[in-house]
């Protein structure tokens, strides 16, 4: 049986992976104009980086290294929030899928931020 910490990491990794899949599906539905293409490429990089850094944390050589990967993941989530907000506010897309991604990005950022505080012993 997995301990709580291991179970949490597995669930976070799975959730971040599913988030990346949903983001890819969303990006494929965007209009194909110049500004949206540029934003979409940035968003693809930042959103998929969330999960990639969570996975990289598994191979960390120290607690500090592990915390750094979570920090990179949090930064990528925050960047993704920026790009999603820009798409919404520029009226490039306004639907339930965008709102879901905004909400999921915020939740992942909160989980990562909370985890970082715990890892640093500030909680």
N, C-alpha and C. Protein backbone atom coordinates (compact mmCIF):
# COMPACT_ATOMS: atom_id res chain seq x y z
N UNK A 1 0.84 -1.19 0.00
CA UNK A 1 0.00 0.00 0.00
C UNK A 1 0.88 1.25 0.00
N UNK A 2 0.50 2.22 -0.82
CA UNK A 2 1.27 3.45 -0.91
C UNK A 2 1.03 4.30 0.33
N UNK A 3 2.08 4.99 0.76
CA UNK A 3 1.87 5.94 1.85
C UNK A 3 1.22 7.20 1.28
N UNK A 4 0.74 8.07 2.15
CA UNK A 4 0.01 9.27 1.73
C UNK A 4 0.83 10.17 0.80
N UNK A 5 2.11 10.34 1.11
CA UNK A 5 2.97 11.21 0.32
C UNK A 5 3.12 10.67 -1.11
N UNK A 6 3.34 9.37 -1.22
CA UNK A 6 3.50 8.75 -2.52
C UNK A 6 2.19 8.80 -3.32
N UNK A 7 1.08 8.59 -2.64
CA UNK A 7 -0.23 8.66 -3.28
C UNK A 7 -0.49 10.08 -3.79
N UNK A 8 -0.16 11.07 -2.98
CA UNK A 8 -0.34 12.47 -3.38
C UNK A 8 0.47 12.78 -4.64
N UNK A 9 1.73 12.35 -4.67
CA UNK A 9 2.59 12.61 -5.82
C UNK A 9 2.03 11.96 -7.09
N UNK A 10 1.55 10.72 -6.94
CA UNK A 10 0.97 10.01 -8.09
C UNK A 10 -0.27 10.72 -8.59
N UNK A 11 -1.14 11.15 -7.68
CA UNK A 11 -2.36 11.86 -8.07
C UNK A 11 -2.05 13.20 -8.71
N UNK A 12 -1.07 13.92 -8.17
CA UNK A 12 -0.68 15.21 -8.74
C UNK A 12 -0.11 15.01 -10.14
N UNK A 13 0.73 14.01 -10.30
CA UNK A 13 1.32 13.73 -11.61
C UNK A 13 0.22 13.40 -12.63
N UNK A 14 -0.73 12.58 -12.24
CA UNK A 14 -1.84 12.21 -13.12
C UNK A 14 -2.70 13.44 -13.46
N UNK A 15 -2.99 14.24 -12.46
CA UNK A 15 -3.83 15.43 -12.66
C UNK A 15 -3.13 16.42 -13.60
N UNK A 16 -1.84 16.61 -13.42
CA UNK A 16 -1.09 17.53 -14.28
C UNK A 16 -1.03 16.99 -15.72
N UNK A 17 -0.93 15.69 -15.86
CA UNK A 17 -0.92 15.07 -17.18
C UNK A 17 -2.26 15.28 -17.88
N UNK A 18 -3.34 15.04 -17.16
CA UNK A 18 -4.68 15.25 -17.72
C UNK A 18 -4.91 16.72 -18.08
N UNK A 19 -4.37 17.59 -17.26
CA UNK A 19 -4.44 19.04 -17.53
C UNK A 19 -3.76 19.35 -18.87
N UNK A 20 -2.60 18.76 -19.10
CA UNK A 20 -1.89 18.97 -20.36
C UNK A 20 -2.71 18.48 -21.55
N UNK A 21 -3.33 17.32 -21.40
CA UNK A 21 -4.17 16.77 -22.47
C UNK A 21 -5.33 17.71 -22.78
N UNK A 22 -6.01 18.18 -21.71
CA UNK A 22 -7.14 19.11 -21.89
C UNK A 22 -6.68 20.41 -22.56
N UNK A 23 -5.49 20.87 -22.18
CA UNK A 23 -4.97 22.10 -22.77
C UNK A 23 -4.70 21.90 -24.26
N UNK A 24 -4.11 20.79 -24.64
CA UNK A 24 -3.84 20.51 -26.04
C UNK A 24 -5.15 20.48 -26.83
N UNK A 25 -6.15 19.80 -26.29
CA UNK A 25 -7.46 19.74 -26.95
C UNK A 25 -8.04 21.14 -27.13
N UNK A 26 -7.93 21.95 -26.08
CA UNK A 26 -8.43 23.33 -26.13
C UNK A 26 -7.69 24.15 -27.19
N UNK A 27 -6.38 24.06 -27.19
CA UNK A 27 -5.58 24.86 -28.12
C UNK A 27 -5.90 24.51 -29.57
N UNK A 28 -6.24 23.27 -29.82
CA UNK A 28 -6.59 22.86 -31.18
C UNK A 28 -7.91 23.46 -31.66
N UNK A 29 -8.70 24.02 -30.75
CA UNK A 29 -9.98 24.63 -31.14
C UNK A 29 -9.89 26.15 -31.33
N UNK A 30 -8.76 26.73 -31.02
CA UNK A 30 -8.62 28.19 -31.10
C UNK A 30 -8.62 28.68 -32.55
N UNK A 31 -9.03 29.93 -32.75
CA UNK A 31 -8.94 30.53 -34.09
C UNK A 31 -7.48 30.52 -34.56
N UNK A 32 -7.29 30.52 -35.86
CA UNK A 32 -5.94 30.40 -36.42
C UNK A 32 -5.36 31.74 -36.88
N UNK A 33 -5.66 32.82 -36.16
CA UNK A 33 -5.08 34.12 -36.53
C UNK A 33 -3.70 34.28 -35.89
N UNK A 34 -2.97 35.29 -36.31
CA UNK A 34 -1.58 35.47 -35.90
C UNK A 34 -1.41 35.62 -34.38
N UNK A 35 -2.17 36.50 -33.76
CA UNK A 35 -1.99 36.73 -32.32
C UNK A 35 -2.36 35.50 -31.50
N UNK A 36 -3.41 34.82 -31.91
CA UNK A 36 -3.81 33.62 -31.17
C UNK A 36 -2.77 32.52 -31.32
N UNK A 37 -2.17 32.40 -32.49
CA UNK A 37 -1.13 31.39 -32.68
C UNK A 37 0.06 31.63 -31.76
N UNK A 38 0.47 32.88 -31.62
CA UNK A 38 1.61 33.21 -30.76
C UNK A 38 1.26 32.88 -29.30
N UNK A 39 0.09 33.30 -28.86
CA UNK A 39 -0.33 33.03 -27.49
C UNK A 39 -0.47 31.52 -27.26
N UNK A 40 -1.04 30.83 -28.24
CA UNK A 40 -1.23 29.37 -28.11
C UNK A 40 0.10 28.65 -27.95
N UNK A 41 1.11 29.06 -28.68
CA UNK A 41 2.43 28.41 -28.55
C UNK A 41 3.02 28.65 -27.16
N UNK A 42 2.89 29.87 -26.67
CA UNK A 42 3.39 30.18 -25.33
C UNK A 42 2.62 29.36 -24.28
N UNK A 43 1.31 29.29 -24.44
CA UNK A 43 0.47 28.57 -23.49
C UNK A 43 0.76 27.08 -23.54
N UNK A 44 0.99 26.54 -24.72
CA UNK A 44 1.34 25.12 -24.83
C UNK A 44 2.62 24.82 -24.06
N UNK A 45 3.60 25.68 -24.20
CA UNK A 45 4.88 25.48 -23.49
C UNK A 45 4.70 25.57 -21.97
N UNK A 46 4.02 26.61 -21.52
CA UNK A 46 3.90 26.80 -20.07
C UNK A 46 3.00 25.75 -19.43
N UNK A 47 1.89 25.43 -20.07
CA UNK A 47 0.94 24.48 -19.48
C UNK A 47 1.51 23.06 -19.41
N UNK A 48 2.20 22.63 -20.46
CA UNK A 48 2.77 21.28 -20.42
C UNK A 48 3.99 21.22 -19.50
N UNK A 49 4.61 22.36 -19.26
CA UNK A 49 5.74 22.42 -18.33
C UNK A 49 5.31 22.16 -16.89
N UNK A 50 4.06 22.45 -16.56
CA UNK A 50 3.56 22.18 -15.21
C UNK A 50 3.77 20.71 -14.88
N UNK A 51 3.23 19.84 -15.71
CA UNK A 51 3.35 18.40 -15.48
C UNK A 51 4.77 17.88 -15.65
N UNK A 52 5.47 18.41 -16.64
CA UNK A 52 6.84 17.95 -16.89
C UNK A 52 7.73 18.17 -15.67
N UNK A 53 7.56 19.30 -15.00
CA UNK A 53 8.38 19.58 -13.82
C UNK A 53 7.95 18.77 -12.61
N UNK A 54 6.67 18.44 -12.52
CA UNK A 54 6.21 17.55 -11.45
C UNK A 54 6.86 16.17 -11.65
N UNK A 55 6.90 15.70 -12.88
CA UNK A 55 7.54 14.41 -13.18
C UNK A 55 9.04 14.48 -12.90
N UNK A 56 9.67 15.56 -13.30
CA UNK A 56 11.11 15.73 -13.05
C UNK A 56 11.44 15.71 -11.55
N UNK A 57 10.53 16.22 -10.74
CA UNK A 57 10.76 16.25 -9.30
C UNK A 57 10.98 14.85 -8.74
N UNK A 58 10.36 13.86 -9.36
CA UNK A 58 10.51 12.47 -8.90
C UNK A 58 11.98 12.03 -8.91
N UNK A 59 12.73 12.53 -9.89
CA UNK A 59 14.14 12.16 -10.00
C UNK A 59 15.08 13.11 -9.29
N UNK A 60 14.54 13.97 -8.46
CA UNK A 60 15.36 14.97 -7.77
C UNK A 60 16.38 14.29 -6.86
N UNK A 61 17.53 14.90 -6.77
CA UNK A 61 18.62 14.33 -5.97
C UNK A 61 18.60 14.77 -4.51
N UNK A 62 17.76 15.75 -4.20
CA UNK A 62 17.67 16.24 -2.83
C UNK A 62 16.31 16.89 -2.61
N UNK A 63 16.02 17.19 -1.36
CA UNK A 63 14.77 17.88 -1.04
C UNK A 63 14.76 19.27 -1.69
N UNK A 64 15.89 19.92 -1.67
CA UNK A 64 16.00 21.25 -2.29
C UNK A 64 15.74 21.18 -3.79
N UNK A 65 16.31 20.18 -4.44
CA UNK A 65 16.12 19.97 -5.86
C UNK A 65 14.64 19.68 -6.16
N UNK A 66 14.02 18.84 -5.34
CA UNK A 66 12.61 18.51 -5.47
C UNK A 66 11.76 19.78 -5.36
N UNK A 67 12.06 20.59 -4.36
CA UNK A 67 11.33 21.84 -4.14
C UNK A 67 11.50 22.78 -5.33
N UNK A 68 12.70 22.82 -5.89
CA UNK A 68 12.95 23.67 -7.06
C UNK A 68 12.09 23.26 -8.25
N UNK A 69 11.95 21.95 -8.48
CA UNK A 69 11.11 21.49 -9.59
C UNK A 69 9.66 21.89 -9.37
N UNK A 70 9.19 21.80 -8.13
CA UNK A 70 7.82 22.24 -7.83
C UNK A 70 7.70 23.75 -8.03
N UNK A 71 8.75 24.49 -7.71
CA UNK A 71 8.73 25.94 -7.92
C UNK A 71 8.65 26.27 -9.41
N UNK A 72 9.40 25.53 -10.24
CA UNK A 72 9.34 25.75 -11.68
C UNK A 72 7.93 25.44 -12.19
N UNK A 73 7.35 24.39 -11.66
CA UNK A 73 6.00 24.01 -12.04
C UNK A 73 5.00 25.10 -11.67
N UNK A 74 5.15 25.66 -10.48
CA UNK A 74 4.27 26.75 -10.05
C UNK A 74 4.42 27.97 -10.96
N UNK A 75 5.65 28.30 -11.31
CA UNK A 75 5.88 29.43 -12.21
C UNK A 75 5.22 29.20 -13.57
N UNK A 76 5.28 27.98 -14.05
CA UNK A 76 4.63 27.64 -15.31
C UNK A 76 3.11 27.75 -15.20
N UNK A 77 2.56 27.34 -14.07
CA UNK A 77 1.11 27.47 -13.86
C UNK A 77 0.71 28.94 -13.84
N UNK A 78 1.50 29.75 -13.17
CA UNK A 78 1.21 31.19 -13.12
C UNK A 78 1.30 31.82 -14.52
N UNK A 79 2.27 31.41 -15.30
CA UNK A 79 2.39 31.91 -16.66
C UNK A 79 1.18 31.45 -17.49
N UNK A 80 0.75 30.23 -17.29
CA UNK A 80 -0.42 29.72 -18.02
C UNK A 80 -1.68 30.53 -17.68
N UNK A 81 -1.80 30.91 -16.41
CA UNK A 81 -2.93 31.77 -16.03
C UNK A 81 -2.91 33.08 -16.81
N UNK A 82 -1.74 33.63 -16.98
CA UNK A 82 -1.60 34.87 -17.73
C UNK A 82 -2.10 34.70 -19.17
N UNK A 83 -1.62 33.65 -19.85
CA UNK A 83 -1.99 33.43 -21.25
C UNK A 83 -3.48 33.12 -21.39
N UNK A 84 -4.02 32.31 -20.48
CA UNK A 84 -5.45 32.01 -20.53
C UNK A 84 -6.29 33.28 -20.31
N UNK A 85 -5.88 34.10 -19.37
CA UNK A 85 -6.58 35.36 -19.13
C UNK A 85 -6.51 36.28 -20.33
N UNK A 86 -5.37 36.28 -20.98
CA UNK A 86 -5.21 37.11 -22.18
C UNK A 86 -6.15 36.65 -23.29
N UNK A 87 -6.25 35.34 -23.49
CA UNK A 87 -7.18 34.82 -24.50
C UNK A 87 -8.62 35.21 -24.16
N UNK A 88 -8.97 35.10 -22.90
CA UNK A 88 -10.33 35.44 -22.46
C UNK A 88 -10.60 36.94 -22.66
N UNK A 89 -9.69 37.77 -22.17
CA UNK A 89 -9.92 39.21 -22.18
C UNK A 89 -9.80 39.83 -23.58
N UNK A 90 -9.04 39.19 -24.46
CA UNK A 90 -8.96 39.65 -25.85
C UNK A 90 -10.12 39.09 -26.67
N UNK A 91 -10.98 38.35 -25.98
CA UNK A 91 -12.17 37.77 -26.60
C UNK A 91 -11.84 36.84 -27.76
N UNK A 92 -10.72 36.12 -27.60
CA UNK A 92 -10.33 35.12 -28.60
C UNK A 92 -11.10 33.82 -28.35
N UNK A 93 -11.52 33.62 -27.12
CA UNK A 93 -12.26 32.42 -26.76
C UNK A 93 -12.96 32.69 -25.44
N UNK A 94 -14.19 32.33 -25.37
CA UNK A 94 -14.95 32.51 -24.14
C UNK A 94 -15.96 31.37 -24.04
N UNK A 95 -15.56 30.30 -23.41
CA UNK A 95 -16.46 29.17 -23.27
C UNK A 95 -16.17 28.40 -21.99
N UNK A 96 -16.93 27.35 -21.78
CA UNK A 96 -16.80 26.54 -20.56
C UNK A 96 -15.43 25.86 -20.48
N UNK A 97 -14.88 25.48 -21.62
CA UNK A 97 -13.58 24.82 -21.63
C UNK A 97 -12.49 25.78 -21.13
N UNK A 98 -12.55 27.02 -21.55
CA UNK A 98 -11.59 28.02 -21.08
C UNK A 98 -11.73 28.24 -19.58
N UNK A 99 -12.96 28.33 -19.11
CA UNK A 99 -13.19 28.53 -17.67
C UNK A 99 -12.69 27.34 -16.87
N UNK A 100 -12.93 26.13 -17.38
CA UNK A 100 -12.43 24.92 -16.72
C UNK A 100 -10.90 24.99 -16.59
N UNK A 101 -10.24 25.37 -17.69
CA UNK A 101 -8.77 25.43 -17.67
C UNK A 101 -8.26 26.51 -16.72
N UNK A 102 -8.93 27.64 -16.68
CA UNK A 102 -8.56 28.67 -15.72
C UNK A 102 -8.70 28.15 -14.29
N UNK A 103 -9.82 27.50 -13.99
CA UNK A 103 -10.05 26.96 -12.65
C UNK A 103 -9.04 25.87 -12.30
N UNK A 104 -8.77 24.97 -13.24
CA UNK A 104 -7.83 23.87 -12.98
C UNK A 104 -6.42 24.42 -12.81
N UNK A 105 -6.06 25.42 -13.59
CA UNK A 105 -4.73 26.02 -13.45
C UNK A 105 -4.58 26.65 -12.07
N UNK A 106 -5.61 27.36 -11.62
CA UNK A 106 -5.58 27.96 -10.28
C UNK A 106 -5.45 26.89 -9.20
N UNK A 107 -6.20 25.80 -9.35
CA UNK A 107 -6.13 24.73 -8.35
C UNK A 107 -4.75 24.07 -8.33
N UNK A 108 -4.20 23.81 -9.51
CA UNK A 108 -2.85 23.22 -9.55
C UNK A 108 -1.83 24.18 -8.93
N UNK A 109 -1.96 25.46 -9.22
CA UNK A 109 -1.04 26.45 -8.64
C UNK A 109 -1.18 26.47 -7.11
N UNK A 110 -2.40 26.39 -6.61
CA UNK A 110 -2.60 26.37 -5.16
C UNK A 110 -2.00 25.12 -4.53
N UNK A 111 -2.17 23.98 -5.16
CA UNK A 111 -1.60 22.73 -4.65
C UNK A 111 -0.08 22.83 -4.63
N UNK A 112 0.49 23.31 -5.73
CA UNK A 112 1.95 23.44 -5.81
C UNK A 112 2.48 24.43 -4.79
N UNK A 113 1.81 25.58 -4.67
CA UNK A 113 2.24 26.59 -3.70
C UNK A 113 2.18 26.07 -2.28
N UNK A 114 1.12 25.37 -1.95
CA UNK A 114 0.97 24.78 -0.63
C UNK A 114 2.05 23.73 -0.38
N UNK A 115 2.33 22.93 -1.39
CA UNK A 115 3.37 21.90 -1.26
C UNK A 115 4.74 22.51 -1.04
N UNK A 116 5.02 23.58 -1.76
CA UNK A 116 6.31 24.27 -1.61
C UNK A 116 6.46 24.81 -0.20
N UNK A 117 5.41 25.42 0.32
CA UNK A 117 5.46 25.93 1.70
C UNK A 117 5.71 24.79 2.69
N UNK A 118 5.05 23.68 2.49
CA UNK A 118 5.25 22.52 3.36
C UNK A 118 6.68 22.01 3.26
N UNK A 119 7.18 21.90 2.03
CA UNK A 119 8.55 21.42 1.82
C UNK A 119 9.58 22.34 2.47
N UNK A 120 9.30 23.63 2.45
CA UNK A 120 10.22 24.59 3.05
C UNK A 120 10.00 24.75 4.55
N UNK A 121 9.01 24.04 5.09
CA UNK A 121 8.75 24.08 6.52
C UNK A 121 8.12 25.38 6.98
N UNK A 122 7.43 26.05 6.10
CA UNK A 122 6.81 27.34 6.44
C UNK A 122 5.31 27.19 6.69
N UNK A 123 4.90 25.98 6.96
CA UNK A 123 3.49 25.73 7.18
C UNK A 123 3.27 24.97 8.44
